[in-house]
Amino acid sequence: MKRLVLLSLLFVLAIACGHKDKGFIPERLLSEQEMINIMTDVQIIEADINYQKSQEREQEPNDTIKIIPKDYVKMSRDYYAQLFEHYGITDSIFEQNLKYYTERPAELEKIMDSVMQRLTKEQTISSTQ
């Protein structure tokens, strides 16, 4: 499974802006709301992995508590396996839907705007608690 979902999304989005063929339809088309939910969780997964990496990098060599280096590829694979199981999809279905929506930039932009609004709202709620 590909670890760089976020970077892939940005890359595919950039390519899709000039893409004219909109005939591809996934074997299971996820609704915009399902994609919003999934992409929100993808962003949370990626943020968690990046946070853990930064914590590992910031550890001072003389710290008394040693952080054991993590296998981020395995961690990512496990997170995504749980995500796909939760939503009852496979990585193939996710990738097909990502392709479908990247071929429709206006719809993808709407999805990603909703994802960012949800994440901002959740961050605001958690920071006030």
N, C-alpha and C. Protein backbone atom coordinates (compact mmCIF):
# COMPACT_ATOMS: atom_id res chain seq x y z
N MET A 1 0.85 -1.18 0.00
CA MET A 1 0.00 0.00 0.00
C MET A 1 0.89 1.24 0.00
N LYS A 2 0.46 2.22 -0.65
CA LYS A 2 1.27 3.43 -0.78
C LYS A 2 1.12 4.32 0.44
N ARG A 3 2.22 4.72 0.99
CA ARG A 3 2.26 5.51 2.22
C ARG A 3 2.01 6.99 1.96
N LEU A 4 2.36 7.44 0.82
CA LEU A 4 2.33 8.87 0.56
C LEU A 4 1.01 9.31 -0.05
N VAL A 5 -0.09 8.97 0.60
CA VAL A 5 -1.42 9.28 0.08
C VAL A 5 -1.59 10.78 -0.11
N LEU A 6 -1.19 11.54 0.85
CA LEU A 6 -1.38 12.98 0.76
C LEU A 6 -0.60 13.58 -0.41
N LEU A 7 0.66 13.20 -0.53
CA LEU A 7 1.45 13.72 -1.64
C LEU A 7 0.91 13.22 -2.96
N SER A 8 0.45 11.97 -2.97
CA SER A 8 -0.14 11.42 -4.19
C SER A 8 -1.38 12.19 -4.56
N LEU A 9 -2.18 12.52 -3.56
CA LEU A 9 -3.41 13.27 -3.82
C LEU A 9 -3.09 14.61 -4.45
N LEU A 10 -2.12 15.31 -3.90
CA LEU A 10 -1.74 16.61 -4.45
C LEU A 10 -1.20 16.48 -5.88
N PHE A 11 -0.39 15.45 -6.09
CA PHE A 11 0.17 15.20 -7.42
C PHE A 11 -0.93 14.90 -8.42
N VAL A 12 -1.82 13.99 -8.06
CA VAL A 12 -2.91 13.60 -8.95
C VAL A 12 -3.84 14.78 -9.20
N LEU A 13 -4.08 15.58 -8.16
CA LEU A 13 -4.93 16.76 -8.32
C LEU A 13 -4.32 17.73 -9.34
N ALA A 14 -3.02 17.91 -9.26
CA ALA A 14 -2.35 18.80 -10.20
C ALA A 14 -2.48 18.28 -11.63
N ILE A 15 -2.33 16.98 -11.81
CA ILE A 15 -2.47 16.38 -13.13
C ILE A 15 -3.92 16.45 -13.60
N ALA A 16 -4.84 16.21 -12.68
CA ALA A 16 -6.25 16.13 -13.04
C ALA A 16 -6.81 17.46 -13.53
N CYS A 17 -6.22 18.54 -13.10
CA CYS A 17 -6.72 19.84 -13.53
C CYS A 17 -6.72 19.98 -15.05
N GLY A 18 -5.80 19.30 -15.71
CA GLY A 18 -5.75 19.36 -17.16
C GLY A 18 -6.32 18.12 -17.82
N HIS A 19 -6.80 17.15 -17.05
CA HIS A 19 -7.29 15.88 -17.56
C HIS A 19 -8.71 16.04 -18.09
N LYS A 20 -8.98 15.55 -19.28
CA LYS A 20 -10.30 15.73 -19.90
C LYS A 20 -11.16 14.46 -19.86
N ASP A 21 -10.55 13.27 -19.74
CA ASP A 21 -11.31 12.02 -19.77
C ASP A 21 -11.98 11.78 -18.42
N LYS A 22 -13.31 11.86 -18.43
CA LYS A 22 -14.05 11.66 -17.20
C LYS A 22 -14.93 10.42 -17.29
N GLY A 23 -14.49 9.43 -18.06
CA GLY A 23 -15.29 8.23 -18.26
C GLY A 23 -15.06 7.15 -17.23
N PHE A 24 -13.99 7.24 -16.43
CA PHE A 24 -13.68 6.20 -15.46
C PHE A 24 -14.67 6.23 -14.31
N ILE A 25 -15.21 5.06 -13.99
CA ILE A 25 -16.10 4.92 -12.82
C ILE A 25 -15.60 3.72 -12.02
N PRO A 26 -15.37 3.91 -10.71
CA PRO A 26 -14.88 2.81 -9.87
C PRO A 26 -15.90 1.68 -9.77
N GLU A 27 -15.40 0.49 -9.41
CA GLU A 27 -16.31 -0.64 -9.23
C GLU A 27 -17.31 -0.36 -8.10
N ARG A 28 -16.89 0.41 -7.12
CA ARG A 28 -17.80 0.87 -6.06
C ARG A 28 -17.57 2.36 -5.88
N LEU A 29 -18.49 3.16 -6.35
CA LEU A 29 -18.36 4.61 -6.26
C LEU A 29 -18.79 5.07 -4.87
N LEU A 30 -17.86 5.72 -4.18
CA LEU A 30 -18.15 6.27 -2.86
C LEU A 30 -18.78 7.66 -3.02
N SER A 31 -19.75 7.95 -2.18
CA SER A 31 -20.40 9.25 -2.23
C SER A 31 -19.41 10.33 -1.77
N GLU A 32 -19.77 11.57 -2.06
CA GLU A 32 -18.92 12.67 -1.60
C GLU A 32 -18.80 12.65 -0.08
N GLN A 33 -19.89 12.35 0.63
CA GLN A 33 -19.85 12.32 2.09
C GLN A 33 -18.93 11.20 2.59
N GLU A 34 -18.98 10.04 1.93
CA GLU A 34 -18.07 8.96 2.31
C GLU A 34 -16.62 9.38 2.08
N MET A 35 -16.36 10.04 0.97
CA MET A 35 -15.00 10.50 0.69
C MET A 35 -14.56 11.56 1.69
N ILE A 36 -15.47 12.42 2.10
CA ILE A 36 -15.14 13.42 3.12
C ILE A 36 -14.73 12.72 4.41
N ASN A 37 -15.51 11.73 4.82
CA ASN A 37 -15.20 10.99 6.05
C ASN A 37 -13.86 10.28 5.94
N ILE A 38 -13.64 9.61 4.83
CA ILE A 38 -12.40 8.85 4.64
C ILE A 38 -11.20 9.80 4.56
N MET A 39 -11.32 10.86 3.76
CA MET A 39 -10.20 11.77 3.60
C MET A 39 -9.89 12.53 4.90
N THR A 40 -10.91 12.77 5.71
CA THR A 40 -10.66 13.38 7.02
C THR A 40 -9.80 12.44 7.86
N ASP A 41 -10.16 11.17 7.86
CA ASP A 41 -9.37 10.19 8.61
C ASP A 41 -7.97 10.02 8.02
N VAL A 42 -7.84 10.09 6.71
CA VAL A 42 -6.52 10.02 6.08
C VAL A 42 -5.64 11.16 6.58
N GLN A 43 -6.20 12.36 6.64
CA GLN A 43 -5.43 13.51 7.11
C GLN A 43 -5.00 13.32 8.57
N ILE A 44 -5.89 12.77 9.38
CA ILE A 44 -5.56 12.52 10.80
C ILE A 44 -4.46 11.47 10.91
N ILE A 45 -4.55 10.41 10.11
CA ILE A 45 -3.52 9.37 10.11
C ILE A 45 -2.17 9.97 9.74
N GLU A 46 -2.14 10.73 8.65
CA GLU A 46 -0.88 11.31 8.19
C GLU A 46 -0.31 12.29 9.22
N ALA A 47 -1.18 13.07 9.84
CA ALA A 47 -0.73 14.01 10.88
C ALA A 47 -0.15 13.26 12.07
N ASP A 48 -0.78 12.17 12.46
CA ASP A 48 -0.28 11.38 13.60
C ASP A 48 1.09 10.79 13.29
N ILE A 49 1.23 10.22 12.13
CA ILE A 49 2.52 9.62 11.75
C ILE A 49 3.60 10.70 11.70
N ASN A 50 3.30 11.84 11.09
CA ASN A 50 4.28 12.92 11.02
C ASN A 50 4.63 13.46 12.41
N TYR A 51 3.64 13.54 13.29
CA TYR A 51 3.89 13.99 14.66
C TYR A 51 4.84 13.01 15.37
N GLN A 52 4.57 11.72 15.22
CA GLN A 52 5.43 10.73 15.87
C GLN A 52 6.86 10.78 15.32
N LYS A 53 6.97 10.99 14.02
CA LYS A 53 8.30 11.13 13.42
C LYS A 53 9.02 12.35 13.99
N SER A 54 8.30 13.46 14.13
CA SER A 54 8.93 14.67 14.65
C SER A 54 9.36 14.49 16.10
N GLN A 55 8.57 13.78 16.88
CA GLN A 55 8.94 13.52 18.27
C GLN A 55 10.20 12.67 18.34
N GLU A 56 10.31 11.73 17.46
CA GLU A 56 11.49 10.87 17.42
C GLU A 56 12.73 11.69 17.03
N ARG A 57 12.57 12.59 16.06
CA ARG A 57 13.71 13.41 15.62
C ARG A 57 14.14 14.41 16.68
N GLU A 58 13.18 14.91 17.47
CA GLU A 58 13.48 15.93 18.46
C GLU A 58 14.11 15.38 19.74
N GLN A 59 14.12 14.08 19.88
CA GLN A 59 14.68 13.49 21.09
C GLN A 59 16.17 13.80 21.17
N GLU A 60 16.56 14.29 22.30
CA GLU A 60 17.97 14.61 22.53
C GLU A 60 18.74 13.31 22.79
N PRO A 61 19.98 13.23 22.35
CA PRO A 61 20.78 12.02 22.55
C PRO A 61 20.98 11.66 24.03
N ASN A 62 20.94 12.65 24.92
CA ASN A 62 21.18 12.39 26.34
C ASN A 62 19.89 12.23 27.14
N ASP A 63 18.75 12.18 26.49
CA ASP A 63 17.49 11.98 27.21
C ASP A 63 17.53 10.66 27.97
N THR A 64 16.99 10.68 29.18
CA THR A 64 16.98 9.46 29.98
C THR A 64 15.94 8.46 29.48
N ILE A 65 14.87 8.95 28.90
CA ILE A 65 13.86 8.06 28.33
C ILE A 65 14.12 7.96 26.84
N LYS A 66 14.46 6.77 26.41
CA LYS A 66 14.78 6.57 25.00
C LYS A 66 13.51 6.17 24.23
N ILE A 67 13.33 6.82 23.11
CA ILE A 67 12.23 6.45 22.23
C ILE A 67 12.76 5.43 21.23
N ILE A 68 12.11 4.29 21.18
CA ILE A 68 12.52 3.25 20.25
C ILE A 68 12.05 3.65 18.85
N PRO A 69 12.96 3.67 17.89
CA PRO A 69 12.55 4.02 16.53
C PRO A 69 11.42 3.12 16.05
N LYS A 70 10.48 3.72 15.37
CA LYS A 70 9.32 2.98 14.91
C LYS A 70 9.45 2.64 13.43
N ASP A 71 8.77 1.59 13.06
CA ASP A 71 8.69 1.19 11.66
C ASP A 71 7.47 1.90 11.08
N TYR A 72 7.72 3.07 10.48
CA TYR A 72 6.62 3.90 10.01
C TYR A 72 5.89 3.30 8.80
N VAL A 73 6.57 2.50 8.03
CA VAL A 73 5.91 1.84 6.90
C VAL A 73 4.87 0.85 7.44
N LYS A 74 5.27 0.06 8.43
CA LYS A 74 4.33 -0.90 9.03
C LYS A 74 3.20 -0.16 9.74
N MET A 75 3.55 0.90 10.46
CA MET A 75 2.54 1.68 11.16
C MET A 75 1.51 2.23 10.17
N SER A 76 2.00 2.79 9.07
CA SER A 76 1.12 3.34 8.06
C SER A 76 0.23 2.25 7.46
N ARG A 77 0.83 1.12 7.15
CA ARG A 77 0.08 -0.01 6.60
C ARG A 77 -1.02 -0.44 7.56
N ASP A 78 -0.70 -0.51 8.85
CA ASP A 78 -1.69 -0.92 9.86
C ASP A 78 -2.81 0.11 10.00
N TYR A 79 -2.44 1.38 10.03
CA TYR A 79 -3.46 2.44 10.13
C TYR A 79 -4.43 2.38 8.95
N TYR A 80 -3.87 2.26 7.75
CA TYR A 80 -4.72 2.24 6.57
C TYR A 80 -5.56 0.97 6.50
N ALA A 81 -5.01 -0.15 6.94
CA ALA A 81 -5.80 -1.39 6.97
C ALA A 81 -7.01 -1.21 7.90
N GLN A 82 -6.79 -0.58 9.05
CA GLN A 82 -7.89 -0.31 9.98
C GLN A 82 -8.90 0.66 9.37
N LEU A 83 -8.41 1.67 8.70
CA LEU A 83 -9.28 2.65 8.05
C LEU A 83 -10.17 1.97 7.01
N PHE A 84 -9.56 1.17 6.14
CA PHE A 84 -10.32 0.51 5.09
C PHE A 84 -11.32 -0.48 5.67
N GLU A 85 -10.91 -1.18 6.71
CA GLU A 85 -11.84 -2.12 7.36
C GLU A 85 -13.02 -1.35 7.97
N HIS A 86 -12.73 -0.23 8.62
CA HIS A 86 -13.78 0.58 9.24
C HIS A 86 -14.83 1.01 8.23
N TYR A 87 -14.38 1.40 7.04
CA TYR A 87 -15.31 1.88 6.02
C TYR A 87 -15.80 0.77 5.09
N GLY A 88 -15.32 -0.45 5.30
CA GLY A 88 -15.77 -1.57 4.49
C GLY A 88 -15.34 -1.48 3.04
N ILE A 89 -14.11 -0.98 2.84
CA ILE A 89 -13.57 -0.86 1.49
C ILE A 89 -12.19 -1.50 1.45
N THR A 90 -11.63 -1.59 0.26
CA THR A 90 -10.26 -2.06 0.09
C THR A 90 -9.40 -0.89 -0.37
N ASP A 91 -8.09 -1.10 -0.33
CA ASP A 91 -7.21 -0.04 -0.82
C ASP A 91 -7.45 0.21 -2.31
N SER A 92 -7.82 -0.83 -3.04
CA SER A 92 -8.13 -0.68 -4.46
C SER A 92 -9.35 0.20 -4.68
N ILE A 93 -10.39 -0.01 -3.89
CA ILE A 93 -11.60 0.83 -4.00
C ILE A 93 -11.26 2.28 -3.67
N PHE A 94 -10.45 2.48 -2.63
CA PHE A 94 -10.04 3.84 -2.27
C PHE A 94 -9.27 4.49 -3.42
N GLU A 95 -8.31 3.79 -3.97
CA GLU A 95 -7.50 4.34 -5.06
C GLU A 95 -8.35 4.63 -6.30
N GLN A 96 -9.30 3.73 -6.61
CA GLN A 96 -10.19 3.97 -7.74
C GLN A 96 -11.03 5.23 -7.53
N ASN A 97 -11.53 5.41 -6.31
CA ASN A 97 -12.34 6.58 -6.02
C ASN A 97 -11.50 7.84 -6.01
N LEU A 98 -10.27 7.74 -5.54
CA LEU A 98 -9.37 8.88 -5.58
C LEU A 98 -9.14 9.29 -7.03
N LYS A 99 -8.93 8.31 -7.90
CA LYS A 99 -8.77 8.59 -9.33
C LYS A 99 -10.04 9.23 -9.90
N TYR A 100 -11.18 8.66 -9.56
CA TYR A 100 -12.46 9.18 -10.05
C TYR A 100 -12.64 10.64 -9.69
N TYR A 101 -12.41 10.96 -8.41
CA TYR A 101 -12.63 12.34 -7.97
C TYR A 101 -11.54 13.29 -8.46
N THR A 102 -10.32 12.81 -8.67
CA THR A 102 -9.28 13.70 -9.20
C THR A 102 -9.55 14.05 -10.65
N GLU A 103 -10.31 13.21 -11.34
CA GLU A 103 -10.71 13.53 -12.71
C GLU A 103 -11.87 14.53 -12.73
N ARG A 104 -12.37 14.87 -11.55
CA ARG A 104 -13.46 15.83 -11.39
C ARG A 104 -13.02 16.87 -10.36
N PRO A 105 -12.14 17.79 -10.76
CA PRO A 105 -11.51 18.72 -9.82
C PRO A 105 -12.50 19.54 -8.99
N ALA A 106 -13.61 19.92 -9.56
CA ALA A 106 -14.58 20.73 -8.79
C ALA A 106 -15.16 19.91 -7.63
N GLU A 107 -15.46 18.64 -7.90
CA GLU A 107 -15.99 17.78 -6.84
C GLU A 107 -14.92 17.50 -5.78
N LEU A 108 -13.69 17.25 -6.24
CA LEU A 108 -12.60 16.98 -5.29
C LEU A 108 -12.32 18.21 -4.43
N GLU A 109 -12.35 19.38 -5.04
CA GLU A 109 -12.13 20.60 -4.27
C GLU A 109 -13.21 20.77 -3.20
N LYS A 110 -14.45 20.48 -3.56
CA LYS A 110 -15.55 20.54 -2.60
C LYS A 110 -15.32 19.56 -1.44
N ILE A 111 -14.88 18.36 -1.77
CA ILE A 111 -14.59 17.35 -0.75
C ILE A 111 -13.48 17.83 0.17
N MET A 112 -12.38 18.29 -0.42
CA MET A 112 -11.23 18.71 0.39
C MET A 112 -11.54 19.96 1.21
N ASP A 113 -12.37 20.85 0.69
CA ASP A 113 -12.80 22.01 1.48
C ASP A 113 -13.59 21.55 2.70
N SER A 114 -14.46 20.57 2.51
CA SER A 114 -15.23 20.02 3.63
C SER A 114 -14.33 19.33 4.65
N VAL A 115 -13.33 18.63 4.15
CA VAL A 115 -12.36 17.97 5.04
C VAL A 115 -11.65 19.02 5.89
N MET A 116 -11.17 20.08 5.25
CA MET A 116 -10.45 21.12 5.98
C MET A 116 -11.35 21.82 6.98
N GLN A 117 -12.60 22.06 6.62
CA GLN A 117 -13.55 22.67 7.56
C GLN A 117 -13.77 21.77 8.76
N ARG A 118 -13.92 20.47 8.51
CA ARG A 118 -14.14 19.53 9.61
C ARG A 118 -12.92 19.46 10.53
N LEU A 119 -11.74 19.40 9.93
CA LEU A 119 -10.52 19.33 10.74
C LEU A 119 -10.33 20.61 11.55
N THR A 120 -10.61 21.75 10.95
CA THR A 120 -10.50 23.02 11.67
C THR A 120 -11.48 23.07 12.83
N LYS A 121 -12.70 22.62 12.58
CA LYS A 121 -13.71 22.60 13.63
C LYS A 121 -13.30 21.66 14.77
N GLU A 122 -12.81 20.48 14.43
CA GLU A 122 -12.37 19.52 15.46
C GLU A 122 -11.18 20.07 16.24
N GLN A 123 -10.27 20.76 15.56
CA GLN A 123 -9.11 21.33 16.24
C GLN A 123 -9.57 22.43 17.19
N THR A 124 -10.52 23.24 16.77
CA THR A 124 -11.04 24.31 17.62
C THR A 124 -11.72 23.73 18.85
N ILE A 125 -12.51 22.69 18.67
CA ILE A 125 -13.20 22.06 19.80
C ILE A 125 -12.20 21.45 20.77
N SER A 126 -11.18 20.76 20.25
CA SER A 126 -10.22 20.10 21.14
C SER A 126 -9.33 21.11 21.86
N SER A 127 -9.08 22.27 21.26
CA SER A 127 -8.23 23.27 21.91
C SER A 127 -8.98 24.05 22.98
N THR A 128 -10.31 24.04 22.95
CA THR A 128 -11.08 24.73 23.97
C THR A 128 -11.42 23.83 25.15
N GLN A 129 -11.12 22.56 25.05
CA GLN A 129 -11.44 21.64 26.15
C GLN A 129 -10.31 21.56 27.14
